[in-house]
Amino acid sequence: MVATFQRVIAEGAEADIAELSAGTKGILCGISVQLLGTEGNSQERMLFHVYVVRDNEIIEIERFDDRDSAAHAAGVA
């Protein structure tokens, strides 16, 4: 997943962290990605990940298509 994200950024996409919230089951991260399309068009897309941390290390990263599902999985109210 990280390698894919690095490849997309290397191809000219831009990304910003739009949300970072600690929940009872993990950390919710919302990423706003501006993808460069053909003919100079661009498209903005939100990606949501939940990071599960144990002993100060990320042990699992799960991707979600929507914020509500990610927030529920992370235990964010």
N, C-alpha and C. Protein backbone atom coordinates (compact mmCIF):
# COMPACT_ATOMS: atom_id res chain seq x y z
N MET A 1 0.82 -1.19 0.00
CA MET A 1 0.00 0.00 0.00
C MET A 1 0.87 1.25 0.00
N VAL A 2 1.91 1.29 0.83
CA VAL A 2 2.77 2.45 0.90
C VAL A 2 3.52 2.63 -0.42
N ALA A 3 3.98 1.54 -1.03
CA ALA A 3 4.69 1.62 -2.32
C ALA A 3 3.77 2.18 -3.40
N THR A 4 2.52 1.76 -3.41
CA THR A 4 1.56 2.27 -4.39
C THR A 4 1.36 3.76 -4.20
N PHE A 5 1.21 4.19 -2.95
CA PHE A 5 1.01 5.61 -2.65
C PHE A 5 2.23 6.42 -3.09
N GLN A 6 3.43 5.91 -2.83
CA GLN A 6 4.65 6.60 -3.24
C GLN A 6 4.72 6.72 -4.76
N ARG A 7 4.29 5.68 -5.48
CA ARG A 7 4.30 5.70 -6.95
C ARG A 7 3.35 6.78 -7.47
N VAL A 8 2.16 6.86 -6.89
CA VAL A 8 1.17 7.86 -7.32
C VAL A 8 1.71 9.27 -7.08
N ILE A 9 2.35 9.50 -5.96
CA ILE A 9 2.94 10.81 -5.65
C ILE A 9 4.06 11.11 -6.65
N ALA A 10 4.88 10.11 -6.97
CA ALA A 10 5.98 10.29 -7.92
C ALA A 10 5.46 10.64 -9.31
N GLU A 11 4.24 10.20 -9.64
CA GLU A 11 3.65 10.49 -10.94
C GLU A 11 2.99 11.87 -10.98
N GLY A 12 3.10 12.64 -9.90
CA GLY A 12 2.61 14.00 -9.91
C GLY A 12 1.37 14.27 -9.09
N ALA A 13 0.83 13.28 -8.43
CA ALA A 13 -0.33 13.51 -7.57
C ALA A 13 0.12 14.28 -6.33
N GLU A 14 -0.80 15.00 -5.74
CA GLU A 14 -0.52 15.72 -4.50
C GLU A 14 -1.44 15.18 -3.42
N ALA A 15 -0.96 15.16 -2.19
CA ALA A 15 -1.76 14.64 -1.09
C ALA A 15 -1.54 15.47 0.17
N ASP A 16 -2.61 15.60 0.93
CA ASP A 16 -2.56 16.29 2.22
C ASP A 16 -3.35 15.47 3.24
N ILE A 17 -2.89 15.47 4.46
CA ILE A 17 -3.64 14.83 5.53
C ILE A 17 -4.78 15.77 5.90
N ALA A 18 -6.00 15.32 5.70
CA ALA A 18 -7.18 16.14 5.97
C ALA A 18 -7.73 15.89 7.37
N GLU A 19 -7.44 14.70 7.91
CA GLU A 19 -7.94 14.35 9.24
C GLU A 19 -7.02 13.32 9.86
N LEU A 20 -6.79 13.46 11.15
CA LEU A 20 -6.02 12.49 11.92
C LEU A 20 -6.66 12.44 13.30
N SER A 21 -7.32 11.31 13.60
CA SER A 21 -8.07 11.19 14.86
C SER A 21 -7.74 9.87 15.53
N ALA A 22 -7.41 9.93 16.82
CA ALA A 22 -7.15 8.73 17.59
C ALA A 22 -8.46 8.20 18.15
N GLY A 23 -8.71 6.92 17.94
CA GLY A 23 -9.90 6.27 18.47
C GLY A 23 -9.53 5.19 19.46
N THR A 24 -10.52 4.47 19.92
CA THR A 24 -10.28 3.42 20.90
C THR A 24 -9.70 2.14 20.28
N LYS A 25 -9.79 2.00 18.95
CA LYS A 25 -9.30 0.79 18.28
C LYS A 25 -8.19 1.08 17.28
N GLY A 26 -7.92 2.34 16.99
CA GLY A 26 -6.89 2.67 16.02
C GLY A 26 -6.88 4.16 15.72
N ILE A 27 -6.07 4.54 14.75
CA ILE A 27 -5.93 5.93 14.35
C ILE A 27 -6.55 6.09 12.96
N LEU A 28 -7.49 7.00 12.85
CA LEU A 28 -8.14 7.30 11.57
C LEU A 28 -7.34 8.38 10.86
N CYS A 29 -7.01 8.11 9.60
CA CYS A 29 -6.29 9.08 8.78
C CYS A 29 -7.08 9.30 7.50
N GLY A 30 -7.49 10.55 7.28
CA GLY A 30 -8.17 10.93 6.03
C GLY A 30 -7.18 11.68 5.16
N ILE A 31 -6.99 11.22 3.93
CA ILE A 31 -6.00 11.79 3.03
C ILE A 31 -6.72 12.34 1.79
N SER A 32 -6.52 13.61 1.53
CA SER A 32 -7.06 14.24 0.33
C SER A 32 -6.01 14.12 -0.77
N VAL A 33 -6.37 13.44 -1.86
CA VAL A 33 -5.43 13.20 -2.96
C VAL A 33 -5.93 13.90 -4.21
N GLN A 34 -5.08 14.68 -4.82
CA GLN A 34 -5.37 15.33 -6.09
C GLN A 34 -4.65 14.54 -7.17
N LEU A 35 -5.42 13.79 -7.97
CA LEU A 35 -4.86 12.95 -9.03
C LEU A 35 -4.82 13.71 -10.33
N LEU A 36 -3.73 13.58 -11.05
CA LEU A 36 -3.61 14.21 -12.36
C LEU A 36 -4.15 13.27 -13.41
N GLY A 37 -5.12 13.74 -14.17
CA GLY A 37 -5.71 12.93 -15.22
C GLY A 37 -5.09 13.22 -16.57
N THR A 38 -5.63 12.61 -17.57
CA THR A 38 -5.16 12.88 -18.93
C THR A 38 -5.62 14.26 -19.35
N GLU A 39 -4.92 14.84 -20.28
CA GLU A 39 -5.25 16.16 -20.83
C GLU A 39 -5.24 17.27 -19.78
N GLY A 40 -4.45 17.09 -18.72
CA GLY A 40 -4.32 18.12 -17.69
C GLY A 40 -5.45 18.22 -16.70
N ASN A 41 -6.44 17.33 -16.80
CA ASN A 41 -7.54 17.34 -15.83
C ASN A 41 -7.06 16.78 -14.51
N SER A 42 -7.65 17.25 -13.43
CA SER A 42 -7.31 16.69 -12.12
C SER A 42 -8.59 16.30 -11.40
N GLN A 43 -8.44 15.38 -10.49
CA GLN A 43 -9.58 14.85 -9.74
C GLN A 43 -9.17 14.72 -8.28
N GLU A 44 -10.03 15.22 -7.40
CA GLU A 44 -9.74 15.09 -5.97
C GLU A 44 -10.48 13.89 -5.41
N ARG A 45 -9.80 13.17 -4.55
CA ARG A 45 -10.38 11.97 -3.95
C ARG A 45 -9.95 11.87 -2.50
N MET A 46 -10.85 11.42 -1.65
CA MET A 46 -10.52 11.19 -0.25
C MET A 46 -10.25 9.71 -0.04
N LEU A 47 -9.16 9.43 0.65
CA LEU A 47 -8.81 8.06 1.04
C LEU A 47 -8.83 8.01 2.56
N PHE A 48 -9.25 6.88 3.10
CA PHE A 48 -9.31 6.73 4.55
C PHE A 48 -8.57 5.46 4.95
N HIS A 49 -7.68 5.59 5.92
CA HIS A 49 -6.94 4.46 6.45
C HIS A 49 -7.14 4.42 7.96
N VAL A 50 -7.09 3.22 8.50
CA VAL A 50 -7.05 3.04 9.95
C VAL A 50 -5.76 2.33 10.27
N TYR A 51 -4.99 2.92 11.17
CA TYR A 51 -3.72 2.35 11.61
C TYR A 51 -3.92 1.75 13.00
N VAL A 52 -3.57 0.48 13.14
CA VAL A 52 -3.62 -0.17 14.45
C VAL A 52 -2.19 -0.16 14.99
N VAL A 53 -2.03 0.37 16.19
CA VAL A 53 -0.70 0.56 16.78
C VAL A 53 -0.58 -0.27 18.05
N ARG A 54 0.52 -0.99 18.17
CA ARG A 54 0.87 -1.74 19.38
C ARG A 54 2.33 -1.47 19.70
N ASP A 55 2.62 -1.20 20.94
CA ASP A 55 4.00 -0.94 21.38
C ASP A 55 4.68 0.12 20.49
N ASN A 56 3.96 1.18 20.19
CA ASN A 56 4.46 2.31 19.40
C ASN A 56 4.85 1.95 17.96
N GLU A 57 4.31 0.86 17.43
CA GLU A 57 4.55 0.48 16.04
C GLU A 57 3.24 0.19 15.34
N ILE A 58 3.15 0.59 14.08
CA ILE A 58 1.96 0.27 13.28
C ILE A 58 2.04 -1.20 12.93
N ILE A 59 1.02 -1.95 13.35
CA ILE A 59 1.02 -3.39 13.05
C ILE A 59 0.02 -3.76 11.97
N GLU A 60 -0.87 -2.82 11.65
CA GLU A 60 -1.88 -3.10 10.63
C GLU A 60 -2.35 -1.78 10.03
N ILE A 61 -2.56 -1.78 8.70
CA ILE A 61 -3.14 -0.65 7.99
C ILE A 61 -4.31 -1.19 7.18
N GLU A 62 -5.47 -0.60 7.39
CA GLU A 62 -6.65 -1.04 6.64
C GLU A 62 -7.22 0.16 5.89
N ARG A 63 -7.55 -0.04 4.62
CA ARG A 63 -8.10 1.02 3.78
C ARG A 63 -9.62 0.92 3.75
N PHE A 64 -10.28 2.09 3.75
CA PHE A 64 -11.74 2.16 3.69
C PHE A 64 -12.14 3.13 2.59
N ASP A 65 -13.31 2.89 2.01
CA ASP A 65 -13.81 3.74 0.93
C ASP A 65 -14.57 4.96 1.45
N ASP A 66 -14.95 4.94 2.72
CA ASP A 66 -15.71 6.07 3.25
C ASP A 66 -15.31 6.34 4.70
N ARG A 67 -15.52 7.58 5.13
CA ARG A 67 -15.11 7.99 6.45
C ARG A 67 -15.88 7.26 7.55
N ASP A 68 -17.19 7.08 7.38
CA ASP A 68 -18.00 6.44 8.42
C ASP A 68 -17.50 5.05 8.76
N SER A 69 -17.19 4.25 7.74
CA SER A 69 -16.67 2.90 7.98
C SER A 69 -15.32 2.95 8.68
N ALA A 70 -14.46 3.85 8.23
CA ALA A 70 -13.13 3.98 8.84
C ALA A 70 -13.24 4.44 10.29
N ALA A 71 -14.10 5.42 10.54
CA ALA A 71 -14.29 5.93 11.91
C ALA A 71 -14.80 4.83 12.83
N HIS A 72 -15.73 4.04 12.34
CA HIS A 72 -16.27 2.92 13.14
C HIS A 72 -15.17 1.92 13.46
N ALA A 73 -14.37 1.56 12.45
CA ALA A 73 -13.29 0.59 12.66
C ALA A 73 -12.23 1.12 13.63
N ALA A 74 -11.99 2.43 13.62
CA ALA A 74 -10.99 3.02 14.50
C ALA A 74 -11.54 3.31 15.89
N GLY A 75 -12.85 3.24 16.05
CA GLY A 75 -13.46 3.58 17.34
C GLY A 75 -13.49 5.08 17.59
N VAL A 76 -13.63 5.84 16.50
CA VAL A 76 -13.73 7.30 16.61
C VAL A 76 -15.21 7.67 16.66
N ALA A 77 -15.58 8.47 17.65
CA ALA A 77 -16.99 8.86 17.81
C ALA A 77 -17.41 9.83 16.76
